[in-house]
Amino acid sequence: MMGEELNAADITDKGLLGDRAYAVLDSLSGKVATAKNLRQFPGLFDCLADFVVPPKFGAPIPPVRIILPDGTALTSEEPEASKILSTFFGRDVTLSLPLDHATMDMENPTDVQGIALSGAAQGLSLFANTFFDAAPLLIMTTSTLDHFRRLYPEGRFEVRRFRPNIVVEPEKETEAFIENAWIGKTVTLGDGARLKIIGACSRCVMTTLPQGDLPKDVGILRTIAQYSPKLKLGANLGVYATVDRPGRIKRCDGFF
């Protein structure tokens, strides 16, 4: 569903506290609903979700509140929550906390105007006891986003379109794709949180979808595919990280 911007958050050994704490599951297949599966769940990005109370480190995850496009509000504690969501999606679904094993399907165009991308995946396995499909954290830099804005000024390369957990703003003007140089290294931020950068993020059709006032724009993915360094097949933007040491982070913390 729609993401939100935070001023502070706890990084746990499983990623940002509260990130993907719940998922909508297709009751028939048992697979996780995702905007990467456009045919089955086209309305996910039209929904808002937040916690009834902020999550706390070491405490059980609190109930989640969901607001549908027509203004209907529900919480995960309501007996009718799954029924309301099923009506909205037009298929039988349930609201779930992380499972020992979960899978999802993703659709991706095999090419964007002739530029090769990684294709669709059926039954993609997620990390155990989480709803993460590739890594628990995604990091991007403002310098790389600014670079793509210059390449494609008619598009809107806004942070929320790419859904990173952490955005790094270099202290001085720097070249694009500086984050790619961090792959294989360990970085520290906040009050001592330590992250290991494990690889490039290959972007998918989600980056082209409308979110709020952001319009649908396949030119976003086409531009990334055309101009990003080819560290892996596809359109690469941002880097994935795992958690080496938990900690608390806040806006304007140092990153080194």
Protein backbone atom coordinates (compact mmCIF):
# COMPACT_ATOMS: atom_id res chain seq x y z
CA MET A 1 0.00 0.00 0.00
CA MET A 2 1.10 3.64 0.08
CA GLY A 3 4.29 4.31 2.04
CA GLU A 4 4.94 7.06 4.55
CA GLU A 5 7.87 9.29 5.48
CA LEU A 6 9.25 9.02 9.01
CA ASN A 7 11.43 11.33 11.09
CA ALA A 8 12.85 8.45 13.15
CA ALA A 9 12.73 4.66 13.21
CA ASP A 10 14.31 1.61 14.80
CA ILE A 11 16.36 -0.74 12.65
CA THR A 12 15.95 -4.30 13.88
CA ASP A 13 17.68 -7.46 12.70
CA LYS A 14 14.75 -7.88 10.29
CA GLY A 15 14.80 -4.36 8.88
CA LEU A 16 12.91 -1.18 9.72
CA LEU A 17 10.58 -1.78 12.65
CA GLY A 18 7.02 -2.01 11.32
CA ASP A 19 7.97 -2.24 7.64
CA ARG A 20 5.82 -4.91 5.93
CA ALA A 21 4.56 -6.05 9.32
CA TYR A 22 1.31 -7.23 7.73
CA ALA A 23 0.34 -8.50 4.30
CA VAL A 24 -2.83 -9.21 2.38
CA LEU A 25 -2.87 -12.89 1.37
CA ASP A 26 -4.82 -14.44 -1.48
CA SER A 27 -6.89 -17.08 0.31
CA LEU A 28 -6.96 -19.46 -2.67
CA SER A 29 -3.24 -19.51 -3.49
CA GLY A 30 -1.87 -18.39 -0.12
CA LYS A 31 0.39 -15.90 -1.92
CA VAL A 32 1.11 -12.36 -0.82
CA ALA A 33 -0.79 -9.58 -2.56
CA THR A 34 1.57 -7.16 -4.28
CA ALA A 35 1.34 -4.27 -6.71
CA LYS A 36 3.87 -6.27 -8.73
CA ASN A 37 0.92 -8.46 -9.68
CA LEU A 38 -1.18 -5.91 -11.55
CA ARG A 39 -3.92 -8.18 -12.81
CA GLN A 40 -4.92 -9.53 -9.39
CA PHE A 41 -4.27 -6.53 -7.12
CA PRO A 42 -4.48 -3.31 -9.14
CA GLY A 43 -5.80 -1.23 -6.22
CA LEU A 44 -3.08 -1.68 -3.60
CA PHE A 45 -1.47 1.71 -4.21
CA ASP A 46 -4.86 3.37 -3.73
CA CYS A 47 -4.93 2.23 -0.09
CA LEU A 48 -3.35 3.85 2.96
CA ALA A 49 -2.02 1.96 5.98
CA ASP A 50 -0.55 2.99 9.33
CA PHE A 51 -0.41 1.68 12.88
CA VAL A 52 -3.07 2.38 15.47
CA VAL A 53 -0.19 3.23 17.83
CA PRO A 54 3.51 3.49 16.89
CA PRO A 55 5.40 0.17 17.06
CA LYS A 56 7.96 -0.17 19.85
CA PHE A 57 11.19 -2.14 19.82
CA GLY A 58 10.79 -5.41 21.73
CA ALA A 59 6.99 -5.15 21.92
CA PRO A 60 4.37 -6.99 19.85
CA ILE A 61 3.45 -5.32 16.56
CA PRO A 62 0.34 -3.18 17.13
CA PRO A 63 -2.82 -3.40 15.02
CA VAL A 64 -2.79 -1.76 11.61
CA ARG A 65 -5.32 0.73 10.28
CA ILE A 66 -6.24 0.63 6.57
CA ILE A 67 -8.10 3.34 4.66
CA LEU A 68 -9.61 2.37 1.30
CA PRO A 69 -9.99 4.85 -1.60
CA ASP A 70 -13.67 5.48 -0.80
CA GLY A 71 -12.75 6.51 2.75
CA THR A 72 -13.72 3.22 4.41
CA ALA A 73 -11.47 2.66 7.43
CA LEU A 74 -10.81 -0.65 9.17
CA THR A 75 -8.30 -2.14 11.59
CA SER A 76 -6.73 -5.58 11.72
CA GLU A 77 -8.56 -6.21 15.01
CA GLU A 78 -12.00 -6.03 13.39
CA PRO A 79 -13.65 -9.42 12.71
CA GLU A 80 -14.87 -8.16 9.33
CA ALA A 81 -11.48 -6.79 8.18
CA SER A 82 -10.71 -9.61 5.74
CA LYS A 83 -14.27 -9.58 4.40
CA ILE A 84 -14.09 -5.83 3.69
CA LEU A 85 -10.74 -6.24 1.93
CA SER A 86 -12.09 -9.18 -0.07
CA THR A 87 -14.95 -7.02 -1.33
CA PHE A 88 -12.52 -4.28 -2.32
CA PHE A 89 -10.14 -6.57 -4.23
CA GLY A 90 -12.90 -8.69 -5.71
CA ARG A 91 -11.28 -11.92 -4.48
CA ASP A 92 -11.07 -13.79 -1.18
CA VAL A 93 -8.18 -12.40 0.89
CA THR A 94 -7.01 -12.38 4.51
CA LEU A 95 -4.87 -9.98 6.52
CA SER A 96 -1.81 -11.73 7.96
CA LEU A 97 1.26 -11.25 10.12
CA PRO A 98 4.55 -12.74 8.77
CA LEU A 99 4.63 -16.46 8.08
CA ASP A 100 7.37 -19.10 8.29
CA HIS A 101 7.19 -19.29 4.50
CA ALA A 102 5.43 -17.00 2.05
CA THR A 103 5.52 -16.53 -1.71
CA MET A 104 4.26 -14.00 -4.24
CA ASP A 105 3.92 -13.62 -7.99
CA MET A 106 5.34 -10.67 -9.86
CA GLU A 107 4.76 -9.40 -13.36
CA ASN A 108 7.35 -7.39 -15.23
CA PRO A 109 7.46 -6.45 -18.90
CA THR A 110 10.19 -8.41 -20.64
CA ASP A 111 11.27 -5.19 -22.27
CA VAL A 112 10.55 -1.47 -22.11
CA GLN A 113 10.77 -0.20 -25.68
CA GLY A 114 13.52 -2.63 -26.55
CA ILE A 115 15.50 -2.46 -23.28
CA ALA A 116 15.82 -5.85 -21.60
CA LEU A 117 14.49 -6.25 -18.04
CA SER A 118 14.25 -9.14 -15.64
CA GLY A 119 10.99 -10.97 -16.34
CA ALA A 120 8.09 -12.21 -14.28
CA ALA A 121 8.44 -14.63 -11.38
CA GLN A 122 5.89 -17.14 -10.14
CA GLY A 123 5.99 -18.32 -6.55
CA LEU A 124 8.88 -16.03 -5.59
CA SER A 125 9.95 -17.06 -2.07
CA LEU A 126 10.10 -14.38 0.63
CA PHE A 127 12.46 -14.29 3.59
CA ALA A 128 11.33 -16.49 6.49
CA ASN A 129 9.07 -14.75 9.00
CA THR A 130 9.04 -11.55 6.91
CA PHE A 131 7.36 -10.22 3.79
CA PHE A 132 10.63 -9.08 2.14
CA ASP A 133 11.28 -10.39 -1.35
CA ALA A 134 14.92 -9.33 -1.87
CA ALA A 135 16.44 -7.71 1.24
CA PRO A 136 15.22 -6.06 4.44
CA LEU A 137 16.49 -2.56 3.54
CA LEU A 138 16.70 -0.41 0.41
CA ILE A 139 18.96 2.65 0.30
CA MET A 140 19.03 5.45 -2.31
CA THR A 141 20.86 8.76 -2.70
CA THR A 142 19.54 12.19 -3.67
CA SER A 143 22.46 12.62 -6.09
CA THR A 144 21.31 9.66 -8.18
CA LEU A 145 17.69 10.85 -8.19
CA ASP A 146 18.85 14.33 -9.26
CA HIS A 147 20.82 12.73 -12.08
CA PHE A 148 17.71 10.98 -13.44
CA ARG A 149 15.68 14.17 -13.14
CA ARG A 150 18.13 15.84 -15.48
CA LEU A 151 17.97 12.91 -17.91
CA TYR A 152 14.17 12.80 -17.93
CA PRO A 153 12.86 16.21 -16.79
CA GLU A 154 9.28 15.50 -17.94
CA GLY A 155 9.11 12.58 -15.47
CA ARG A 156 8.76 12.84 -11.70
CA PHE A 157 11.67 11.07 -10.04
CA GLU A 158 10.32 11.45 -6.51
CA VAL A 159 11.46 9.38 -3.53
CA ARG A 160 8.01 7.95 -2.84
CA ARG A 161 7.84 6.39 -6.30
CA PHE A 162 10.79 4.12 -5.42
CA ARG A 163 9.86 3.27 -1.80
CA PRO A 164 13.34 3.23 -0.18
CA ASN A 165 13.80 2.77 3.56
CA ILE A 166 16.71 5.21 3.78
CA VAL A 167 17.57 8.22 1.60
CA VAL A 168 21.13 9.56 1.84
CA GLU A 169 21.91 13.17 0.91
CA PRO A 170 25.66 13.63 0.29
CA GLU A 171 27.20 16.60 2.12
CA LYS A 172 28.69 17.91 -1.10
CA GLU A 173 27.85 17.62 -4.76
CA THR A 174 28.83 14.20 -6.00
CA GLU A 175 28.38 12.00 -9.02
CA ALA A 176 25.38 9.76 -9.52
CA PHE A 177 25.40 6.11 -8.45
CA ILE A 178 27.78 6.68 -5.54
CA GLU A 179 25.75 4.04 -3.65
CA ASN A 180 26.94 1.36 -6.07
CA ALA A 181 30.47 1.85 -4.73
CA TRP A 182 29.22 0.77 -1.30
CA ILE A 183 28.34 -2.75 -2.44
CA GLY A 184 30.28 -5.25 -0.34
CA LYS A 185 31.00 -2.66 2.35
CA THR A 186 29.53 -2.02 5.80
CA VAL A 187 28.10 1.39 6.68
CA THR A 188 27.19 2.94 10.04
CA LEU A 189 24.41 5.40 10.78
CA GLY A 190 22.31 6.75 13.62
CA ASP A 191 23.23 5.66 17.13
CA GLY A 192 25.40 2.81 15.86
CA ALA A 193 23.22 0.87 13.47
CA ARG A 194 25.43 -1.00 11.04
CA LEU A 195 24.33 -2.22 7.62
CA LYS A 196 26.00 -4.43 5.04
CA ILE A 197 25.41 -3.34 1.45
CA ILE A 198 24.81 -6.53 -0.52
CA GLY A 199 23.88 -5.55 -4.08
CA ALA A 200 22.04 -3.36 -6.57
CA CYS A 201 18.26 -3.11 -6.63
CA SER A 202 16.75 -4.17 -9.95
CA ARG A 203 13.62 -2.08 -10.43
CA CYS A 204 10.30 -3.38 -11.72
CA VAL A 205 6.96 -2.21 -13.05
CA MET A 206 5.99 -0.80 -9.62
CA THR A 207 8.08 2.31 -10.34
CA THR A 208 5.75 3.19 -13.22
CA LEU A 209 2.47 2.91 -11.32
CA PRO A 210 0.39 5.88 -10.15
CA GLN A 211 0.69 6.71 -6.45
CA GLY A 212 -1.40 9.54 -5.06
CA ASP A 213 -0.78 12.46 -7.41
CA LEU A 214 2.10 10.70 -9.18
CA PRO A 215 0.88 9.61 -12.62
CA LYS A 216 1.54 6.35 -14.39
CA ASP A 217 4.80 6.79 -16.30
CA VAL A 218 6.61 3.97 -18.12
CA GLY A 219 9.28 6.51 -19.04
CA ILE A 220 10.57 6.28 -15.48
CA LEU A 221 11.52 2.62 -15.83
CA ARG A 222 12.72 3.11 -19.39
CA THR A 223 15.11 5.87 -18.28
CA ILE A 224 16.50 3.80 -15.42
CA ALA A 225 16.99 0.80 -17.70
CA GLN A 226 18.76 2.90 -20.31
CA TYR A 227 21.12 4.90 -18.09
CA SER A 228 21.77 2.90 -14.92
CA PRO A 229 25.03 0.92 -14.59
CA LYS A 230 24.45 -2.69 -15.64
CA LEU A 231 25.43 -4.33 -12.36
CA LYS A 232 22.72 -6.96 -12.96
CA LEU A 233 20.05 -7.57 -15.57
CA GLY A 234 17.42 -4.91 -15.54
CA ALA A 235 16.92 -1.32 -14.48
CA ASN A 236 19.06 -0.73 -11.39
CA LEU A 237 18.43 2.06 -8.90
CA GLY A 238 19.44 1.95 -5.24
CA VAL A 239 21.20 -0.73 -3.21
CA TYR A 240 20.01 -3.47 -0.89
CA ALA A 241 21.31 -3.93 2.65
CA THR A 242 21.11 -6.41 5.50
CA VAL A 243 21.37 -5.52 9.18
CA ASP A 244 24.70 -6.19 10.86
CA ARG A 245 23.81 -4.36 14.07
CA PRO A 246 20.40 -2.88 15.06
CA GLY A 247 19.99 0.72 16.18
CA ARG A 248 17.81 3.81 16.03
CA ILE A 249 18.03 6.30 13.17
CA LYS A 250 16.53 9.74 12.65
CA ARG A 251 16.40 12.44 10.01
CA CYS A 252 19.78 14.16 9.40
CA ASP A 253 21.84 11.41 11.09
CA GLY A 254 25.34 10.85 9.81
CA PHE A 255 25.99 8.03 7.34
CA PHE A 256 29.51 6.70 6.90
